[in-house]
Amino acid sequence: MRIGVGVSTVPDGRRAAVEAATQARDELAGEAPSLAVLLASQSHTDKAADVLAAVQQTLDPPALIGCVAHTVVAGRREMEGQPAVAVWLASDLPAETFQLDFVRTGSGALLAGYQFDRAATDLHLLLPDPYTFPAHLLIEHLNADLPGTSVVGGVVSGGRGPGETRLFRDHDVLTSGLVGVRLPGAQAVPIVSQGCRPIGHPYIVTGAQDDVITELGGRTPMQRLREIVEGMPRDEQELVTTGLHIGIVGDEHLANPGQGDFLIRALLGADPASGAIEVGELVEVGATVQFQVRDAAGATADLHHSVERAVAQLPGRPVGGLLFTCTGRGRRMFGVPDHDASTIADLLGGIPLAGFFAGGEIGPIAGRNALHTFTASMALFAE
C-alpha cells in the first residue's frame, strides 16, 4: 500500500482540486489509487460539485468519500480560516463506499441505505451530517448488535445549518445523511486522544441512576471532588473551574487505569444539596470513574502517549493517516497553529496525513466505539 497527499490553498476551487489531486497522484509513484478522500474548506461550499468533478476528472478513483469542513488538515498544516482543498489517496487498499440516511417512520426510525456485515471486523470511516444523522444512535447500534465492528471518523463541520452540509461519495454531492467507506483487511490502528489527564484517585460508583452519579466509594461526588481540589497546587485548582470532566474506565479488568483508558465525558451539572453530579453518559453501579482535567499541556502529552501506544500495536511501518480533530482544539486550545498535525508528523516521521476539524470525533475506547468531543481521532495505516 502507498499513500499520497496533495493540498492547494488557491481560492479557485476547481484549480485547487486539480492541484491537490495531481500532487497526491504523483506521490503514489505510478500506482493506481483505490481510495480517494476529498476535503474542502467552507469557502468552497457553493462550488462543491465543481471541486468533486475536477478530482474525478483528474484521478477517476474507484472509491471516494469526503466533505466540506470547517478547517482542512494536510501534512503538517491545519489551515484555519484559509481556503484549502486536500486529496488523500491510497493504492492497494480495498474500499467499499456507502451512504446512510436516518428515516423517521410511524413507529420510530430506520437507518437506511447500508447494512453492516455481522461477521466482519473491518475498519469503517464515517462522516455524518450533524443536522440530519444522529451518529450516536448508529454507534449504540454497532456496540450492541455488531460487536467487533470498528469505526473512526468525524462529524462534518462545514455546514452552518440544515441543508448546508456537503458530503462527497464517489460522483455525488449529498447534503444530508452519512457517507462512509468499509476497508476490508486494512492494516490500520485507530487512535483516540481525548486530551484529558486524571486527577485524584479512581473511585467505584456506589450510587447512580441513569447519567447521574450519587455516590463514589460511599461518599457524594462533590465531597470526593473537594478532597481532590484541596490537595492540588493553586494553579492546578484553576483547571477544575474551566476544564473539569469525568473519565469512565472502559475495561474493568485494568488494575491501574491511566491516561487513555477512560471514556471522557463532560460534567453537565451538580446538585449542591445532594452532592450528586450529572455526566453525559449512562453510568452503572460498580463502574470505575476518575475526575479529569483538560488543558493544552495535558492534551499534548495525551496525544504523544496515544500515538506512541498505537505505533507499538502496528503490524508494520506506518505509511499514512486520516485525522479527525475537534474544532475546539487548534489555535483555540493550544495558542499556536498546526498543533495536532505537526505533533503527529514529528512523532511519525512526516507520513502522508490529511483530515479536518470535526464537530464530534468518532473512535473506539477499550474496544467500544464512541462519539467524543475535544478529541483527536485518527486511523493510522501500516504496510
Protein backbone atom coordinates (compact mmCIF):
# COMPACT_ATOMS: atom_id res chain seq x y z
CA MET A 1 0.00 0.00 0.00
CA ARG A 2 1.14 3.50 -0.86
CA ILE A 3 -0.44 6.73 0.38
CA GLY A 4 -0.11 10.24 -1.02
CA VAL A 5 -1.47 13.65 -0.02
CA GLY A 6 -1.86 16.82 -2.03
CA VAL A 7 -3.12 20.23 -0.91
CA SER A 8 -3.78 23.57 -2.54
CA THR A 9 -4.79 26.87 -0.94
CA VAL A 10 -5.60 28.82 -4.12
CA PRO A 11 -9.05 30.44 -3.83
CA ASP A 12 -10.45 28.94 -7.04
CA GLY A 13 -12.00 25.60 -6.07
CA ARG A 14 -11.60 23.76 -9.38
CA ARG A 15 -7.98 24.81 -9.77
CA ALA A 16 -7.23 23.89 -6.15
CA ALA A 17 -8.83 20.48 -6.65
CA VAL A 18 -6.73 19.75 -9.73
CA GLU A 19 -3.53 20.86 -8.00
CA ALA A 20 -4.21 18.79 -4.87
CA ALA A 21 -5.24 15.71 -6.85
CA THR A 22 -2.17 15.93 -9.08
CA GLN A 23 0.18 16.24 -6.10
CA ALA A 24 -1.39 13.24 -4.37
CA ARG A 25 -1.26 11.15 -7.56
CA ASP A 26 2.42 11.97 -8.05
CA GLU A 27 3.18 10.72 -4.54
CA LEU A 28 1.78 7.29 -5.47
CA ALA A 29 4.72 6.88 -7.88
CA GLY A 30 2.68 5.37 -10.70
CA GLU A 31 0.39 3.21 -8.56
CA ALA A 32 -3.34 3.47 -9.32
CA PRO A 33 -5.41 4.85 -6.43
CA SER A 34 -8.02 2.55 -4.91
CA LEU A 35 -9.46 5.15 -2.48
CA ALA A 36 -9.61 8.94 -2.50
CA VAL A 37 -10.60 11.17 0.43
CA LEU A 38 -11.53 14.69 -0.69
CA LEU A 39 -11.65 17.54 1.84
CA ALA A 40 -12.52 21.16 1.07
CA SER A 41 -12.82 24.24 3.26
CA GLN A 42 -16.06 26.17 3.84
CA SER A 43 -15.14 28.77 1.22
CA HIS A 44 -15.74 26.07 -1.42
CA THR A 45 -19.23 25.11 -0.24
CA ASP A 46 -21.08 26.66 -3.19
CA LYS A 47 -18.65 25.09 -5.68
CA ALA A 48 -18.50 21.65 -4.04
CA ALA A 49 -19.79 19.94 -7.19
CA ASP A 50 -17.07 21.60 -9.29
CA VAL A 51 -14.39 20.55 -6.78
CA LEU A 52 -15.57 16.94 -6.85
CA ALA A 53 -15.83 16.89 -10.64
CA ALA A 54 -12.28 18.20 -11.02
CA VAL A 55 -10.91 15.47 -8.73
CA GLN A 56 -12.87 12.79 -10.55
CA GLN A 57 -11.65 14.01 -13.94
CA THR A 58 -8.06 14.11 -12.72
CA LEU A 59 -7.99 10.77 -10.90
CA ASP A 60 -11.11 8.69 -11.65
CA PRO A 61 -10.70 6.71 -8.39
CA PRO A 62 -12.89 3.62 -7.93
CA ALA A 63 -13.95 4.83 -4.45
CA LEU A 64 -14.16 8.35 -2.99
CA ILE A 65 -15.59 9.93 0.16
CA GLY A 66 -15.13 13.33 1.75
CA CYS A 67 -16.77 16.56 2.80
CA VAL A 68 -16.61 20.31 3.11
CA ALA A 69 -15.22 21.08 6.57
CA HIS A 70 -14.57 23.95 8.97
CA THR A 71 -10.79 23.51 8.63
CA VAL A 72 -8.77 21.23 6.35
CA VAL A 73 -5.67 19.38 7.58
CA ALA A 74 -2.90 18.21 5.27
CA GLY A 75 0.66 17.21 6.09
CA ARG A 76 1.91 19.35 8.97
CA ARG A 77 -0.67 22.09 8.40
CA GLU A 78 -4.07 22.93 9.86
CA MET A 79 -5.45 25.60 7.53
CA GLU A 80 -7.69 27.50 9.92
CA GLY A 81 -9.53 30.38 8.23
CA GLN A 82 -7.93 29.62 4.84
CA PRO A 83 -9.34 28.24 1.60
CA ALA A 84 -7.98 24.76 1.03
CA VAL A 85 -8.58 21.54 -0.85
CA ALA A 86 -6.80 18.36 0.22
CA VAL A 87 -6.78 14.99 -1.51
CA TRP A 88 -5.64 11.84 0.29
CA LEU A 89 -5.00 8.81 -1.91
CA ALA A 90 -4.25 5.17 -1.16
CA SER A 91 -3.30 2.37 -3.54
CA ASP A 92 -3.82 -1.35 -2.86
CA LEU A 93 -6.36 -0.53 -0.15
CA PRO A 94 -9.68 -2.27 -0.97
CA ALA A 95 -12.57 0.11 -0.31
CA GLU A 96 -16.36 -0.01 -0.47
CA THR A 97 -18.16 3.33 -0.11
CA PHE A 98 -21.69 3.64 1.28
CA GLN A 99 -24.23 6.14 2.50
CA LEU A 100 -26.81 6.01 5.29
CA ASP A 101 -29.95 8.04 5.92
CA PHE A 102 -31.95 8.46 9.11
CA VAL A 103 -35.58 7.91 8.15
CA ARG A 104 -38.41 8.57 10.60
CA THR A 105 -41.32 6.13 10.50
CA GLY A 106 -44.70 5.86 12.20
CA SER A 107 -43.24 3.56 14.85
CA GLY A 108 -39.79 5.12 15.23
CA ALA A 109 -36.92 5.45 12.77
CA LEU A 110 -34.66 3.48 10.45
CA LEU A 111 -31.02 3.68 9.45
CA ALA A 112 -31.42 3.05 5.74
CA GLY A 113 -29.08 2.57 2.80
CA TYR A 114 -26.38 0.18 4.02
CA GLN A 115 -26.15 -2.94 6.15
CA PHE A 116 -23.02 -3.64 8.16
CA ASP A 117 -21.64 -7.17 7.89
CA ARG A 118 -22.34 -9.01 11.14
CA ALA A 119 -19.35 -11.31 10.69
CA ALA A 120 -16.82 -8.64 9.73
CA THR A 121 -14.36 -6.78 11.95
CA ASP A 122 -13.35 -4.35 9.21
CA LEU A 123 -12.46 -0.72 9.84
CA HIS A 124 -15.10 1.77 8.69
CA LEU A 125 -14.59 5.51 8.19
CA LEU A 126 -17.73 7.56 8.94
CA LEU A 127 -18.58 11.17 8.03
CA PRO A 128 -22.07 12.06 9.37
CA ASP A 129 -24.01 15.28 8.87
CA PRO A 130 -24.79 16.74 12.32
CA TYR A 131 -28.21 18.10 11.31
CA THR A 132 -29.83 15.03 9.76
CA PHE A 133 -27.97 11.98 11.06
CA PRO A 134 -27.77 11.03 14.78
CA ALA A 135 -24.31 9.44 14.85
CA HIS A 136 -24.70 8.36 18.48
CA LEU A 137 -27.61 6.07 17.55
CA LEU A 138 -25.54 4.30 14.90
CA ILE A 139 -22.67 3.89 17.37
CA GLU A 140 -25.02 2.48 20.02
CA HIS A 141 -26.40 0.03 17.43
CA LEU A 142 -22.93 -1.14 16.41
CA ASN A 143 -21.80 -1.63 20.01
CA ALA A 144 -24.93 -3.54 20.99
CA ASP A 145 -25.64 -5.61 17.87
CA LEU A 146 -22.37 -5.79 15.93
CA PRO A 147 -19.54 -6.01 18.48
CA GLY A 148 -16.13 -6.04 16.86
CA THR A 149 -17.06 -3.51 14.20
CA SER A 150 -14.55 -0.65 14.41
CA VAL A 151 -15.38 2.90 13.30
CA VAL A 152 -13.31 6.08 13.04
CA GLY A 153 -14.33 9.45 11.66
CA GLY A 154 -15.68 12.88 12.36
CA VAL A 155 -18.99 14.73 12.42
CA VAL A 156 -18.86 17.04 9.41
CA SER A 157 -18.34 20.67 10.43
CA GLY A 158 -18.68 22.61 7.18
CA GLY A 159 -22.40 23.44 7.31
CA ARG A 160 -23.89 26.22 9.42
CA GLY A 161 -27.39 24.74 9.37
CA PRO A 162 -29.60 22.03 7.84
CA GLY A 163 -29.04 21.66 4.11
CA GLU A 164 -25.67 23.44 4.14
CA THR A 165 -23.51 20.35 4.71
CA ARG A 166 -21.68 18.95 1.68
CA LEU A 167 -20.73 15.26 1.67
CA PHE A 168 -18.88 13.52 -1.16
CA ARG A 169 -19.49 9.92 -2.19
CA ASP A 170 -17.98 8.74 -5.47
CA HIS A 171 -19.54 11.09 -8.09
CA ASP A 172 -22.29 12.54 -5.88
CA VAL A 173 -22.57 15.57 -3.59
CA LEU A 174 -25.03 15.00 -0.73
CA THR A 175 -26.50 17.47 1.75
CA SER A 176 -27.73 15.04 4.41
CA GLY A 177 -27.14 11.63 5.96
CA LEU A 178 -23.79 9.91 6.34
CA VAL A 179 -21.10 8.81 3.92
CA GLY A 180 -18.60 6.15 4.78
CA VAL A 181 -16.18 3.58 3.48
CA ARG A 182 -15.55 0.00 4.52
CA LEU A 183 -11.90 -1.05 4.40
CA PRO A 184 -11.81 -4.85 4.40
CA GLY A 185 -8.48 -6.24 5.52
CA ALA A 186 -6.90 -2.85 6.13
CA GLN A 187 -3.76 -2.87 8.26
CA ALA A 188 -4.80 0.04 10.45
CA VAL A 189 -4.96 1.02 14.12
CA PRO A 190 -7.48 3.55 15.49
CA ILE A 191 -6.06 6.29 17.71
CA VAL A 192 -8.19 8.30 20.14
CA SER A 193 -6.57 11.12 22.11
CA GLN A 194 -9.16 12.75 24.38
CA GLY A 195 -6.84 15.41 25.72
CA CYS A 196 -7.52 14.87 29.41
CA ARG A 197 -5.45 13.71 32.34
CA PRO A 198 -6.75 12.14 35.55
CA ILE A 199 -6.64 13.86 38.93
CA GLY A 200 -7.11 12.32 42.35
CA HIS A 201 -7.86 8.62 42.60
CA PRO A 202 -10.21 6.23 40.79
CA TYR A 203 -13.47 5.51 42.63
CA ILE A 204 -16.08 2.79 42.37
CA VAL A 205 -19.56 4.12 41.63
CA THR A 206 -21.67 3.02 44.59
CA GLY A 207 -24.77 5.02 43.71
CA ALA A 208 -26.12 6.03 40.29
CA GLN A 209 -29.30 6.47 38.29
CA ASP A 210 -29.03 6.78 34.51
CA ASP A 211 -26.42 9.53 33.92
CA VAL A 212 -26.50 10.89 37.49
CA ILE A 213 -23.82 9.70 39.92
CA THR A 214 -24.97 9.98 43.52
CA GLU A 215 -22.16 8.22 45.36
CA LEU A 216 -18.47 7.43 44.81
CA GLY A 217 -16.92 4.96 47.23
CA GLY A 218 -19.56 5.67 49.85
CA ARG A 219 -19.37 9.48 49.66
CA THR A 220 -21.01 12.03 47.39
CA PRO A 221 -19.15 13.01 44.20
CA MET A 222 -18.93 16.64 45.38
CA GLN A 223 -17.27 15.53 48.63
CA ARG A 224 -14.75 13.48 46.65
CA LEU A 225 -14.06 16.42 44.36
CA ARG A 226 -13.48 18.80 47.27
CA GLU A 227 -10.95 16.34 48.73
CA ILE A 228 -9.08 16.24 45.43
CA VAL A 229 -9.06 20.01 44.91
CA GLU A 230 -7.82 20.71 48.42
CA GLY A 231 -4.74 18.58 47.73
CA MET A 232 -3.88 20.24 44.42
CA PRO A 233 -1.48 23.17 43.84
CA ARG A 234 -3.26 26.51 43.37
CA ASP A 235 -2.55 26.75 39.63
CA GLU A 236 -3.93 23.24 39.18
CA GLN A 237 -7.06 24.16 41.12
CA GLU A 238 -7.94 26.72 38.46
CA LEU A 239 -8.19 23.95 35.86
CA VAL A 240 -11.04 22.40 37.81
CA THR A 241 -13.15 25.52 37.21
CA THR A 242 -12.55 25.57 33.44
CA GLY A 243 -11.81 22.05 32.23
CA LEU A 244 -13.33 19.51 34.63
CA HIS A 245 -14.53 16.19 33.20
CA ILE A 246 -15.13 12.65 34.37
CA GLY A 247 -13.50 9.53 32.99
CA ILE A 248 -15.28 6.16 32.91
CA VAL A 249 -12.97 3.16 32.72
CA GLY A 250 -13.72 1.19 29.56
CA ASP A 251 -12.07 -2.06 30.67
CA GLU A 252 -12.94 -3.01 34.24
CA HIS A 253 -10.19 -5.66 34.22
CA LEU A 254 -7.50 -2.98 34.37
CA ALA A 255 -5.84 -2.96 37.77
CA ASN A 256 -4.38 0.55 37.44
CA PRO A 257 -6.24 2.58 34.78
CA GLY A 258 -4.29 5.53 33.44
CA GLN A 259 -4.34 8.13 30.72
CA GLY A 260 -6.01 6.72 27.61
CA ASP A 261 -8.06 4.08 29.46
CA PHE A 262 -11.07 6.31 30.15
CA LEU A 263 -14.11 7.36 28.15
CA ILE A 264 -14.16 11.11 28.86
CA ARG A 265 -17.46 12.87 29.41
CA ALA A 266 -18.31 16.41 30.50
CA LEU A 267 -19.93 17.24 33.81
CA LEU A 268 -23.33 18.60 32.83
CA GLY A 269 -24.36 19.73 36.28
CA ALA A 270 -24.15 19.28 40.04
CA ASP A 271 -26.67 19.40 42.87
CA PRO A 272 -25.13 21.22 45.86
CA ALA A 273 -27.80 19.86 48.19
CA SER A 274 -27.31 16.16 47.44
CA GLY A 275 -23.73 16.31 46.15
CA ALA A 276 -24.71 14.36 43.00
CA ILE A 277 -23.30 15.09 39.55
CA GLU A 278 -24.77 14.62 36.09
CA VAL A 279 -22.49 13.34 33.32
CA GLY A 280 -23.06 12.89 29.61
CA GLU A 281 -23.15 9.08 29.71
CA LEU A 282 -25.09 6.24 31.29
CA VAL A 283 -23.12 5.09 34.37
CA GLU A 284 -23.80 1.84 36.20
CA VAL A 285 -23.17 1.00 39.85
CA GLY A 286 -19.85 -0.84 40.03
CA ALA A 287 -18.18 1.18 37.28
CA THR A 288 -14.82 2.82 37.95
CA VAL A 289 -14.54 6.57 37.35
CA GLN A 290 -11.97 9.29 37.92
CA PHE A 291 -12.15 13.05 37.66
CA GLN A 292 -10.17 14.56 34.78
CA VAL A 293 -8.92 17.98 33.69
CA ARG A 294 -8.27 19.23 30.19
CA ASP A 295 -5.63 21.79 29.28
CA ALA A 296 -3.15 22.35 26.46
CA ALA A 297 -0.23 20.68 28.23
CA GLY A 298 -2.28 17.64 29.17
CA ALA A 299 -3.73 17.35 25.67
CA THR A 300 -0.24 17.46 24.15
CA ALA A 301 1.02 14.75 26.50
CA ASP A 302 -2.02 12.60 25.79
CA LEU A 303 -1.53 12.91 22.03
CA HIS A 304 2.09 11.79 22.37
CA HIS A 305 1.06 8.85 24.56
CA SER A 306 -1.79 7.78 22.26
CA VAL A 307 0.29 7.86 19.08
CA GLU A 308 3.24 6.05 20.65
CA ARG A 309 0.96 3.34 22.05
CA ALA A 310 -0.69 2.86 18.64
CA VAL A 311 2.65 2.57 16.83
CA ALA A 312 3.60 -0.25 19.18
CA GLN A 313 0.48 -2.14 18.03
CA LEU A 314 1.06 -1.69 14.29
CA PRO A 315 1.86 -4.79 12.25
CA GLY A 316 4.32 -2.82 10.12
CA ARG A 317 5.78 0.60 9.38
CA PRO A 318 3.24 3.47 9.44
CA VAL A 319 2.58 4.74 5.91
CA GLY A 320 -0.24 7.28 6.31
CA GLY A 321 -3.11 8.53 8.41
CA LEU A 322 -6.51 10.24 8.42
CA LEU A 323 -7.07 12.71 11.27
CA PHE A 324 -10.36 14.00 12.71
CA THR A 325 -9.66 16.62 15.36
CA CYS A 326 -12.13 18.83 17.21
CA THR A 327 -12.98 22.37 16.16
CA GLY A 328 -12.31 23.27 19.81
CA ARG A 329 -8.67 22.26 19.51
CA GLY A 330 -6.34 24.05 17.06
CA ARG A 331 -5.32 27.60 17.93
CA ARG A 332 -8.24 27.90 20.34
CA MET A 333 -6.84 25.27 22.70
CA PHE A 334 -3.10 25.36 22.06
CA GLY A 335 -2.49 29.01 21.15
CA VAL A 336 -0.27 28.02 18.21
CA PRO A 337 -1.05 26.88 14.66
CA ASP A 338 -0.83 23.30 13.38
CA HIS A 339 -0.51 21.68 16.80
CA ASP A 340 -2.01 18.23 16.24
CA ALA A 341 -0.81 17.82 12.64
CA SER A 342 2.76 18.89 13.39
CA THR A 343 2.93 16.78 16.55
CA ILE A 344 1.84 13.69 14.62
CA ALA A 345 4.29 14.50 11.83
CA ASP A 346 7.16 14.77 14.32
CA LEU A 347 6.21 11.50 16.02
CA LEU A 348 5.70 9.53 12.81
CA GLY A 349 8.35 10.98 10.53
CA GLY A 350 6.12 13.09 8.32
CA ILE A 351 3.82 10.37 6.99
CA PRO A 352 1.13 11.42 4.45
CA LEU A 353 -1.64 12.85 6.63
CA ALA A 354 -4.95 14.55 5.88
CA GLY A 355 -8.17 15.27 7.74
CA PHE A 356 -10.39 18.02 9.07
CA PHE A 357 -11.67 19.79 12.17
CA ALA A 358 -14.83 17.95 13.23
CA GLY A 359 -17.91 18.75 15.28
CA GLY A 360 -17.54 15.44 17.13
CA GLU A 361 -14.94 12.73 16.79
CA ILE A 362 -15.60 9.01 16.37
CA GLY A 363 -13.28 6.26 17.59
CA PRO A 364 -13.05 3.28 19.93
CA ILE A 365 -12.05 3.27 23.59
CA ALA A 366 -11.38 -0.12 25.21
CA GLY A 367 -12.98 -1.92 22.28
CA ARG A 368 -16.22 0.12 22.24
CA ASN A 369 -16.96 2.76 19.65
CA ALA A 370 -17.82 6.21 20.99
CA LEU A 371 -18.59 9.76 19.97
CA HIS A 372 -16.18 12.24 21.57
CA THR A 373 -15.60 15.97 21.94
CA PHE A 374 -12.34 17.97 22.15
CA THR A 375 -10.62 14.83 20.86
CA ALA A 376 -8.17 13.90 18.11
CA SER A 377 -9.28 10.65 16.46
CA MET A 378 -7.15 9.03 13.78
CA ALA A 379 -6.85 5.97 11.56
CA LEU A 380 -3.18 5.06 11.23
CA PHE A 381 -2.35 2.78 8.30
CA ALA A 382 0.62 0.39 8.13
CA GLU A 383 2.42 -1.62 5.49
